[in-house]
Protein backbone atom coordinates (compact mmCIF):
# COMPACT_ATOMS: atom_id res chain seq x y z
CA MET A 1 23.92 -6.62 -30.99
CA ASP A 2 23.48 -3.13 -32.33
CA PRO A 3 21.94 -0.88 -29.61
CA PHE A 4 20.19 1.09 -32.36
CA ASP A 5 18.42 -2.02 -33.58
CA ASP A 6 14.67 -1.93 -32.88
CA SER A 7 14.78 -5.26 -31.04
CA PHE A 8 17.49 -4.15 -28.58
CA PRO A 9 15.18 -2.54 -25.95
CA CYS A 10 12.94 -5.61 -26.05
CA LEU A 11 15.91 -7.95 -25.56
CA HIS A 12 17.25 -5.80 -22.74
CA GLY A 13 13.89 -5.80 -20.96
CA ASN A 14 13.52 -9.56 -21.39
CA MET A 15 16.95 -10.20 -19.85
CA PHE A 16 16.06 -8.20 -16.77
CA MET A 17 12.67 -9.88 -16.53
CA MET A 18 14.27 -13.36 -16.63
CA ILE A 19 16.75 -12.41 -13.91
CA GLU A 20 13.94 -10.99 -11.78
CA LEU A 21 11.92 -14.17 -12.25
CA MET A 22 14.87 -16.22 -11.04
CA GLU A 23 15.20 -13.96 -8.02
CA PHE A 24 11.49 -14.27 -7.17
CA LEU A 25 11.69 -18.04 -7.57
CA ILE A 26 14.57 -18.16 -5.11
CA GLN A 27 12.88 -15.87 -2.61
CA ASP A 28 9.50 -17.56 -2.79
CA TYR A 29 10.22 -21.25 -3.27
CA VAL A 30 13.72 -22.28 -2.26
CA ARG A 31 13.08 -21.78 1.45
CA SER A 32 9.97 -23.95 1.26
CA TRP A 33 11.76 -26.57 -0.88
CA ILE A 34 14.57 -27.02 1.61
CA SER A 35 12.13 -27.34 4.51
CA ILE A 36 10.37 -30.34 2.90
CA GLU A 37 11.88 -33.55 4.22
CA ASP A 38 11.08 -35.61 1.09
CA PHE A 39 12.46 -33.07 -1.37
CA ASP A 40 15.16 -34.54 -3.58
CA ALA A 41 18.43 -32.72 -2.87
CA ARG A 42 19.82 -33.84 -6.25
CA LEU A 43 17.07 -31.93 -8.02
CA LEU A 44 17.92 -28.82 -6.01
CA GLU A 45 21.62 -29.27 -6.77
CA GLU A 46 20.94 -29.52 -10.51
CA TRP A 47 18.78 -26.41 -10.34
CA VAL A 48 21.56 -24.54 -8.51
CA ARG A 49 24.06 -25.66 -11.14
CA SER A 50 21.72 -24.25 -13.80
CA VAL A 51 21.64 -20.89 -12.01
CA ILE A 52 25.46 -20.94 -11.91
CA GLN A 53 25.55 -21.65 -15.66
CA VAL A 54 23.26 -18.68 -16.26
CA ARG A 55 25.62 -16.49 -14.26
CA LYS A 56 28.57 -17.69 -16.35
CA ALA A 57 26.62 -17.07 -19.55
CA SER A 58 25.77 -13.56 -18.42
CA GLU A 59 29.50 -12.87 -18.04
CA LEU A 60 29.67 -12.98 -21.84
CA LEU A 61 27.14 -10.15 -21.96
CA GLU A 62 29.05 -8.03 -19.45
CA SER A 63 30.79 -6.08 -22.18
CA ARG A 64 27.38 -5.04 -23.48
CA ASN A 65 25.75 -4.34 -20.13
CA GLY A 66 27.46 -4.79 -16.76
CA LEU A 67 24.13 -4.62 -14.96
CA TYR A 68 23.36 -8.19 -15.99
CA MET A 69 26.32 -9.40 -13.95
CA LEU A 70 25.40 -7.23 -10.97
CA TYR A 71 21.88 -8.60 -10.92
CA MET A 72 23.06 -12.19 -11.36
CA GLU A 73 25.56 -11.74 -8.52
CA ARG A 74 22.70 -10.55 -6.33
CA VAL A 75 20.61 -13.60 -7.27
CA VAL A 76 23.47 -16.05 -6.70
CA GLY A 77 24.40 -14.34 -3.42
CA GLU A 78 20.84 -14.72 -2.14
CA LEU A 79 20.85 -18.38 -3.16
CA ALA A 80 24.19 -18.99 -1.45
CA LYS A 81 22.93 -17.35 1.74
CA ILE A 82 19.88 -19.63 1.80
CA LEU A 83 21.78 -22.82 0.94
CA SER A 84 24.87 -22.38 3.12
CA PRO A 85 23.23 -23.99 6.20
CA LEU A 86 22.33 -27.05 4.12
CA ALA A 87 25.85 -27.37 2.79
CA SER A 88 27.31 -27.10 6.29
CA GLN A 89 24.92 -29.84 7.46
CA GLY A 90 26.10 -32.11 4.64
CA LYS A 91 22.72 -32.18 2.88
CA LEU A 92 24.11 -30.69 -0.34
CA ASP A 93 27.07 -31.49 -2.54
CA VAL A 94 30.19 -29.82 -1.13
CA ASP A 95 31.18 -28.45 -4.56
CA ILE A 96 28.10 -26.26 -4.92
CA LEU A 97 28.92 -23.37 -2.58
CA PRO A 98 32.50 -22.84 -3.78
CA SER A 99 31.27 -22.75 -7.38
CA MET A 100 28.76 -20.09 -6.39
CA CYS A 101 31.46 -17.93 -4.86
CA CYS A 102 33.69 -17.88 -7.95
């Protein structure tokens, strides 16, 4: 995308807003989700896989703005820190944490 295009600042702001929304979702809800006994771990695993896909997609934008990757790494790191106890207890798929660390 041309940085001199009128829609560029809007797109840039929207990307950061989406990443911030993901971060707030993780900080506010994931801890409560994992504390609920009846919460479906498969749903959480699919959501985590979606976050990992977003991180991989943001790698394509790294040549345009490396900050996207830095912010996504922060979001994924926070998620990994919260979920690592569950993975060590065997409540999550064992493939999730290594895919977050790549």
